[in-house]
Amino acid sequence: GGLLLEWQSEKNGFAPDIAVLYTRYNTQLRNAD
């Protein structure tokens, strides 16, 4: 979750955006035990 900015073109559907997010990427390393 976080904030974003979008540039919406007035001539067509082109709308690039940039965001700054806090991301919880939930993965862990597991050994043989």
All heavy atoms as atom14 arrays in JSON, in Angstrom:
{
  "sequence": "GGLLLEWQSEKNGFAPDIAVLYTRYNTQLRNAD",
  "atom14_mask": [
    [1, 1, 1, 1, 0, 0, 0, 0, 0, 0, 0, 0, 0, 0],
    [1, 1, 1, 1, 0, 0, 0, 0, 0, 0, 0, 0, 0, 0],
    [1, 1, 1, 1, 1, 1, 1, 1, 0, 0, 0, 0, 0, 0],
    [1, 1, 1, 1, 1, 1, 1, 1, 0, 0, 0, 0, 0, 0],
    [1, 1, 1, 1, 1, 1, 1, 1, 0, 0, 0, 0, 0, 0],
    [1, 1, 1, 1, 1, 1, 1, 1, 1, 0, 0, 0, 0, 0],
    [1, 1, 1, 1, 1, 1, 1, 1, 1, 1, 1, 1, 1, 1],
    [1, 1, 1, 1, 1, 1, 1, 1, 1, 0, 0, 0, 0, 0],
    [1, 1, 1, 1, 1, 1, 0, 0, 0, 0, 0, 0, 0, 0],
    [1, 1, 1, 1, 1, 1, 1, 1, 1, 0, 0, 0, 0, 0],
    [1, 1, 1, 1, 1, 1, 1, 1, 1, 0, 0, 0, 0, 0],
    [1, 1, 1, 1, 1, 1, 1, 1, 0, 0, 0, 0, 0, 0],
    [1, 1, 1, 1, 0, 0, 0, 0, 0, 0, 0, 0, 0, 0],
    [1, 1, 1, 1, 1, 1, 1, 1, 1, 1, 1, 0, 0, 0],
    [1, 1, 1, 1, 1, 0, 0, 0, 0, 0, 0, 0, 0, 0],
    [1, 1, 1, 1, 1, 1, 1, 0, 0, 0, 0, 0, 0, 0],
    [1, 1, 1, 1, 1, 1, 1, 1, 0, 0, 0, 0, 0, 0],
    [1, 1, 1, 1, 1, 1, 1, 1, 0, 0, 0, 0, 0, 0],
    [1, 1, 1, 1, 1, 0, 0, 0, 0, 0, 0, 0, 0, 0],
    [1, 1, 1, 1, 1, 1, 1, 0, 0, 0, 0, 0, 0, 0],
    [1, 1, 1, 1, 1, 1, 1, 1, 0, 0, 0, 0, 0, 0],
    [1, 1, 1, 1, 1, 1, 1, 1, 1, 1, 1, 1, 0, 0],
    [1, 1, 1, 1, 1, 1, 1, 0, 0, 0, 0, 0, 0, 0],
    [1, 1, 1, 1, 1, 1, 1, 1, 1, 1, 1, 0, 0, 0],
    [1, 1, 1, 1, 1, 1, 1, 1, 1, 1, 1, 1, 0, 0],
    [1, 1, 1, 1, 1, 1, 1, 1, 0, 0, 0, 0, 0, 0],
    [1, 1, 1, 1, 1, 1, 1, 0, 0, 0, 0, 0, 0, 0],
    [1, 1, 1, 1, 1, 1, 1, 1, 1, 0, 0, 0, 0, 0],
    [1, 1, 1, 1, 1, 1, 1, 1, 0, 0, 0, 0, 0, 0],
    [1, 1, 1, 1, 1, 1, 1, 1, 1, 1, 1, 0, 0, 0],
    [1, 1, 1, 1, 1, 1, 1, 1, 0, 0, 0, 0, 0, 0],
    [1, 1, 1, 1, 1, 0, 0, 0, 0, 0, 0, 0, 0, 0],
    [1, 1, 1, 1, 1, 1, 1, 1, 0, 0, 0, 0, 0, 0]
  ],
  "atom14_positions": [
    [[0.82, -1.2, 0.0], [0.0, 0.0, 0.0], [0.85, 1.25, 0.0], [1.98, 1.25, 0.49], [0.0, 0.0, 0.0], [0.0, 0.0, 0.0], [0.0, 0.0, 0.0], [0.0, 0.0, 0.0], [0.0, 0.0, 0.0], [0.0, 0.0, 0.0], [0.0, 0.0, 0.0], [0.0, 0.0, 0.0], [0.0, 0.0, 0.0], [0.0, 0.0, 0.0]],
    [[0.3, 2.32, -0.6], [1.03, 3.58, -0.62], [0.41, 4.6, -1.54], [-0.79, 4.52, -1.86], [0.0, 0.0, 0.0], [0.0, 0.0, 0.0], [0.0, 0.0, 0.0], [0.0, 0.0, 0.0], [0.0, 0.0, 0.0], [0.0, 0.0, 0.0], [0.0, 0.0, 0.0], [0.0, 0.0, 0.0], [0.0, 0.0, 0.0], [0.0, 0.0, 0.0]],
    [[1.22, 5.54, -2.01], [0.77, 6.66, -2.82], [1.19, 6.49, -4.27], [2.2, 5.84, -4.56], [1.36, 7.97, -2.27], [1.1, 8.27, -0.8], [1.87, 9.52, -0.39], [-0.39, 8.43, -0.53], [0.0, 0.0, 0.0], [0.0, 0.0, 0.0], [0.0, 0.0, 0.0], [0.0, 0.0, 0.0], [0.0, 0.0, 0.0], [0.0, 0.0, 0.0]],
    [[0.42, 7.1, -5.17], [0.78, 7.04, -6.58], [0.44, 8.35, -7.27], [-0.41, 9.12, -6.83], [0.1, 5.87, -7.3], [-1.41, 5.9, -7.53], [-1.73, 6.58, -8.86], [-1.98, 4.49, -7.54], [0.0, 0.0, 0.0], [0.0, 0.0, 0.0], [0.0, 0.0, 0.0], [0.0, 0.0, 0.0], [0.0, 0.0, 0.0], [0.0, 0.0, 0.0]],
    [[1.13, 8.58, -8.4], [0.85, 9.68, -9.32], [0.58, 9.1, -10.69], [1.29, 8.17, -11.12], [2.02, 10.66, -9.39], [2.3, 11.54, -8.17], [3.58, 12.33, -8.4], [1.14, 12.48, -7.9], [0.0, 0.0, 0.0], [0.0, 0.0, 0.0], [0.0, 0.0, 0.0], [0.0, 0.0, 0.0], [0.0, 0.0, 0.0], [0.0, 0.0, 0.0]],
    [[-0.41, 9.61, -11.38], [-0.74, 9.15, -12.73], [-0.78, 10.35, -13.68], [-1.31, 11.41, -13.34], [-2.1, 8.45, -12.74], [-2.51, 7.94, -14.12], [-3.94, 7.43, -14.17], [-4.87, 8.27, -14.27], [-4.13, 6.21, -14.08], [0.0, 0.0, 0.0], [0.0, 0.0, 0.0], [0.0, 0.0, 0.0], [0.0, 0.0, 0.0], [0.0, 0.0, 0.0]],
    [[-0.21, 10.16, -14.86], [-0.3, 11.16, -15.92], [-1.29, 10.65, -16.97], [-0.97, 9.76, -17.75], [1.07, 11.37, -16.58], [2.04, 12.14, -15.75], [2.32, 13.47, -15.83], [2.89, 11.64, -14.72], [3.28, 13.83, -14.91], [3.65, 12.72, -14.21], [3.09, 10.37, -14.16], [4.59, 12.57, -13.2], [4.01, 10.22, -13.15], [4.75, 11.32, -12.68]],
    [[-2.48, 11.21, -16.97], [-3.53, 10.78, -17.89], [-3.49, 11.64, -19.15], [-3.73, 12.84, -19.1], [-4.9, 10.89, -17.23], [-6.09, 10.62, -18.16], [-6.09, 9.19, -18.67], [-6.24, 8.25, -17.91], [-5.93, 9.02, -19.98], [0.0, 0.0, 0.0], [0.0, 0.0, 0.0], [0.0, 0.0, 0.0], [0.0, 0.0, 0.0], [0.0, 0.0, 0.0]],
    [[-3.17, 11.03, -20.29], [-3.13, 11.76, -21.54], [-4.53, 12.22, -21.93], [-5.5, 11.47, -21.79], [-2.55, 10.88, -22.66], [-2.66, 11.53, -23.91], [0.0, 0.0, 0.0], [0.0, 0.0, 0.0], [0.0, 0.0, 0.0], [0.0, 0.0, 0.0], [0.0, 0.0, 0.0], [0.0, 0.0, 0.0], [0.0, 0.0, 0.0], [0.0, 0.0, 0.0]],
    [[-4.63, 13.44, -22.41], [-5.92, 13.98, -22.84], [-6.28, 13.54, -24.26], [-7.42, 13.71, -24.7], [-5.9, 15.5, -22.76], [-5.7, 16.03, -21.35], [-5.62, 17.55, -21.3], [-5.68, 18.18, -22.38], [-5.51, 18.11, -20.2], [0.0, 0.0, 0.0], [0.0, 0.0, 0.0], [0.0, 0.0, 0.0], [0.0, 0.0, 0.0], [0.0, 0.0, 0.0]],
    [[-5.32, 12.98, -24.99], [-5.54, 12.62, -26.39], [-5.85, 11.15, -26.61], [-6.44, 10.77, -27.61], [-4.31, 13.01, -27.22], [-4.02, 14.51, -27.21], [-2.8, 14.82, -28.05], [-2.52, 16.32, -28.06], [-1.31, 16.66, -28.88], [0.0, 0.0, 0.0], [0.0, 0.0, 0.0], [0.0, 0.0, 0.0], [0.0, 0.0, 0.0], [0.0, 0.0, 0.0]],
    [[-5.41, 10.29, -25.68], [-5.64, 8.85, -25.85], [-5.65, 8.19, -24.47], [-5.73, 8.86, -23.45], [-4.55, 8.24, -26.74], [-3.15, 8.6, -26.28], [-2.84, 8.48, -25.1], [-2.3, 9.07, -27.2], [0.0, 0.0, 0.0], [0.0, 0.0, 0.0], [0.0, 0.0, 0.0], [0.0, 0.0, 0.0], [0.0, 0.0, 0.0], [0.0, 0.0, 0.0]],
    [[-5.55, 6.88, -24.45], [-5.63, 6.16, -23.17], [-4.29, 5.93, -22.49], [-4.22, 5.17, -21.53], [0.0, 0.0, 0.0], [0.0, 0.0, 0.0], [0.0, 0.0, 0.0], [0.0, 0.0, 0.0], [0.0, 0.0, 0.0], [0.0, 0.0, 0.0], [0.0, 0.0, 0.0], [0.0, 0.0, 0.0], [0.0, 0.0, 0.0], [0.0, 0.0, 0.0]],
    [[-3.23, 6.57, -22.97], [-1.92, 6.4, -22.37], [-1.89, 7.06, -20.99], [-2.17, 8.26, -20.87], [-0.85, 6.99, -23.28], [0.56, 6.66, -22.86], [0.96, 5.34, -22.73], [1.47, 7.66, -22.6], [2.26, 5.02, -22.35], [2.77, 7.36, -22.22], [3.17, 6.03, -22.1], [0.0, 0.0, 0.0], [0.0, 0.0, 0.0], [0.0, 0.0, 0.0]],
    [[-1.54, 6.3, -19.94], [-1.6, 6.83, -18.57], [-0.51, 6.2, -17.72], [-0.78, 5.34, -16.88], [-2.97, 6.59, -17.96], [0.0, 0.0, 0.0], [0.0, 0.0, 0.0], [0.0, 0.0, 0.0], [0.0, 0.0, 0.0], [0.0, 0.0, 0.0], [0.0, 0.0, 0.0], [0.0, 0.0, 0.0], [0.0, 0.0, 0.0], [0.0, 0.0, 0.0]],
    [[0.76, 6.59, -17.89], [1.82, 6.06, -17.04], [1.65, 6.5, -15.6], [1.06, 7.55, -15.33], [3.1, 6.66, -17.66], [2.63, 7.89, -18.35], [1.25, 7.6, -18.84], [0.0, 0.0, 0.0], [0.0, 0.0, 0.0], [0.0, 0.0, 0.0], [0.0, 0.0, 0.0], [0.0, 0.0, 0.0], [0.0, 0.0, 0.0], [0.0, 0.0, 0.0]],
    [[2.15, 5.68, -14.68], [2.08, 6.07, -13.27], [3.33, 5.64, -12.52], [4.1, 4.78, -12.99], [0.81, 5.54, -12.59], [0.76, 4.04, -12.46], [1.82, 3.41, -12.28], [-0.33, 3.45, -12.52], [0.0, 0.0, 0.0], [0.0, 0.0, 0.0], [0.0, 0.0, 0.0], [0.0, 0.0, 0.0], [0.0, 0.0, 0.0], [0.0, 0.0, 0.0]],
    [[3.54, 6.25, -11.38], [4.63, 5.9, -10.48], [4.05, 5.83, -9.07], [3.19, 6.63, -8.71], [5.79, 6.92, -10.56], [6.92, 6.52, -9.59], [5.31, 8.33, -10.27], [8.17, 7.36, -9.75], [0.0, 0.0, 0.0], [0.0, 0.0, 0.0], [0.0, 0.0, 0.0], [0.0, 0.0, 0.0], [0.0, 0.0, 0.0], [0.0, 0.0, 0.0]],
    [[4.51, 4.85, -8.29], [3.99, 4.69, -6.94], [5.15, 4.47, -5.97], [6.23, 4.0, -6.35], [3.02, 3.51, -6.86], [0.0, 0.0, 0.0], [0.0, 0.0, 0.0], [0.0, 0.0, 0.0], [0.0, 0.0, 0.0], [0.0, 0.0, 0.0], [0.0, 0.0, 0.0], [0.0, 0.0, 0.0], [0.0, 0.0, 0.0], [0.0, 0.0, 0.0]],
    [[4.92, 4.82, -4.71], [5.85, 4.51, -3.62], [5.05, 3.72, -2.59], [4.09, 4.25, -2.01], [6.45, 5.78, -3.0], [7.36, 5.42, -1.84], [7.2, 6.6, -4.04], [0.0, 0.0, 0.0], [0.0, 0.0, 0.0], [0.0, 0.0, 0.0], [0.0, 0.0, 0.0], [0.0, 0.0, 0.0], [0.0, 0.0, 0.0], [0.0, 0.0, 0.0]],
    [[5.43, 2.47, -2.38], [4.63, 1.54, -1.6], [5.45, 0.91, -0.48], [6.66, 0.68, -0.62], [4.09, 0.41, -2.5], [3.44, 0.8, -3.82], [3.2, -0.45, -4.66], [2.13, 1.54, -3.56], [0.0, 0.0, 0.0], [0.0, 0.0, 0.0], [0.0, 0.0, 0.0], [0.0, 0.0, 0.0], [0.0, 0.0, 0.0], [0.0, 0.0, 0.0]],
    [[4.76, 0.6, 0.62], [5.32, -0.33, 1.6], [4.82, -1.71, 1.19], [3.61, -1.92, 1.04], [4.86, -0.02, 3.02], [5.19, -1.14, 3.97], [6.5, -1.33, 4.42], [4.21, -2.04, 4.38], [6.81, -2.39, 5.27], [4.51, -3.09, 5.23], [5.82, -3.26, 5.67], [6.13, -4.31, 6.5], [0.0, 0.0, 0.0], [0.0, 0.0, 0.0]],
    [[5.74, -2.65, 1.01], [5.37, -3.99, 0.56], [5.87, -5.04, 1.55], [7.06, -5.04, 1.91], [5.96, -4.29, -0.84], [5.37, -3.4, -1.79], [5.67, -5.72, -1.27], [0.0, 0.0, 0.0], [0.0, 0.0, 0.0], [0.0, 0.0, 0.0], [0.0, 0.0, 0.0], [0.0, 0.0, 0.0], [0.0, 0.0, 0.0], [0.0, 0.0, 0.0]],
    [[4.97, -5.89, 1.96], [5.32, -7.04, 2.8], [5.41, -8.26, 1.89], [4.4, -8.83, 1.47], [4.25, -7.26, 3.87], [4.45, -8.51, 4.73], [5.53, -8.32, 5.75], [5.49, -9.39, 6.75], [6.31, -9.46, 7.79], [7.22, -8.53, 7.97], [6.21, -10.44, 8.65], [0.0, 0.0, 0.0], [0.0, 0.0, 0.0], [0.0, 0.0, 0.0]],
    [[6.65, -8.61, 1.52], [6.9, -9.74, 0.63], [7.21, -10.95, 1.51], [8.31, -11.08, 2.05], [8.06, -9.4, -0.31], [8.33, -10.45, -1.36], [7.6, -10.47, -2.55], [9.31, -11.41, -1.18], [7.85, -11.43, -3.52], [9.57, -12.37, -2.13], [8.84, -12.38, -3.3], [9.08, -13.34, -4.27], [0.0, 0.0, 0.0], [0.0, 0.0, 0.0]],
    [[6.24, -11.82, 1.67], [6.27, -12.82, 2.74], [6.82, -14.16, 2.26], [6.07, -15.05, 1.85], [4.86, -12.99, 3.3], [4.88, -13.55, 4.71], [5.93, -13.83, 5.27], [3.71, -13.7, 5.29], [0.0, 0.0, 0.0], [0.0, 0.0, 0.0], [0.0, 0.0, 0.0], [0.0, 0.0, 0.0], [0.0, 0.0, 0.0], [0.0, 0.0, 0.0]],
    [[8.15, -14.29, 2.31], [8.78, -15.58, 2.0], [9.89, -15.85, 3.0], [10.53, -14.91, 3.5], [9.32, -15.6, 0.56], [9.78, -16.91, 0.23], [10.45, -14.6, 0.38], [0.0, 0.0, 0.0], [0.0, 0.0, 0.0], [0.0, 0.0, 0.0], [0.0, 0.0, 0.0], [0.0, 0.0, 0.0], [0.0, 0.0, 0.0], [0.0, 0.0, 0.0]],
    [[10.11, -17.13, 3.32], [11.13, -17.52, 4.27], [11.9, -18.72, 3.75], [11.39, -19.49, 2.93], [10.5, -17.86, 5.63], [9.85, -16.68, 6.34], [9.19, -17.11, 7.64], [8.26, -17.93, 7.64], [9.65, -16.57, 8.75], [0.0, 0.0, 0.0], [0.0, 0.0, 0.0], [0.0, 0.0, 0.0], [0.0, 0.0, 0.0], [0.0, 0.0, 0.0]],
    [[13.13, -18.87, 4.25], [13.97, -20.01, 3.89], [13.72, -21.15, 4.87], [13.68, -20.94, 6.08], [15.45, -19.59, 3.94], [16.47, -20.61, 3.44], [16.34, -20.78, 1.93], [17.88, -20.18, 3.81], [0.0, 0.0, 0.0], [0.0, 0.0, 0.0], [0.0, 0.0, 0.0], [0.0, 0.0, 0.0], [0.0, 0.0, 0.0], [0.0, 0.0, 0.0]],
    [[13.55, -22.38, 4.33], [13.27, -23.54, 5.17], [14.34, -24.6, 4.94], [14.64, -24.94, 3.78], [11.88, -24.09, 4.84], [11.48, -25.31, 5.64], [10.0, -25.6, 5.49], [9.59, -25.62, 4.09], [8.31, -25.55, 3.69], [7.34, -25.44, 4.6], [8.0, -25.58, 2.41], [0.0, 0.0, 0.0], [0.0, 0.0, 0.0], [0.0, 0.0, 0.0]],
    [[14.94, -25.12, 6.03], [15.96, -26.16, 5.87], [15.34, -27.55, 5.87], [14.11, -27.7, 5.95], [17.04, -26.03, 6.95], [16.5, -26.29, 8.36], [15.42, -26.87, 8.54], [17.24, -25.86, 9.38], [0.0, 0.0, 0.0], [0.0, 0.0, 0.0], [0.0, 0.0, 0.0], [0.0, 0.0, 0.0], [0.0, 0.0, 0.0], [0.0, 0.0, 0.0]],
    [[16.18, -28.56, 5.8], [15.69, -29.94, 5.68], [14.92, -30.38, 6.92], [14.09, -31.3, 6.85], [16.87, -30.88, 5.43], [0.0, 0.0, 0.0], [0.0, 0.0, 0.0], [0.0, 0.0, 0.0], [0.0, 0.0, 0.0], [0.0, 0.0, 0.0], [0.0, 0.0, 0.0], [0.0, 0.0, 0.0], [0.0, 0.0, 0.0], [0.0, 0.0, 0.0]],
    [[15.17, -29.74, 8.07], [14.46, -30.09, 9.31], [13.15, -29.32, 9.47], [12.47, -29.48, 10.48], [15.36, -29.79, 10.52], [16.61, -30.67, 10.52], [16.51, -31.84, 10.1], [17.68, -30.18, 10.92], [0.0, 0.0, 0.0], [0.0, 0.0, 0.0], [0.0, 0.0, 0.0], [0.0, 0.0, 0.0], [0.0, 0.0, 0.0], [0.0, 0.0, 0.0]]
  ]
}
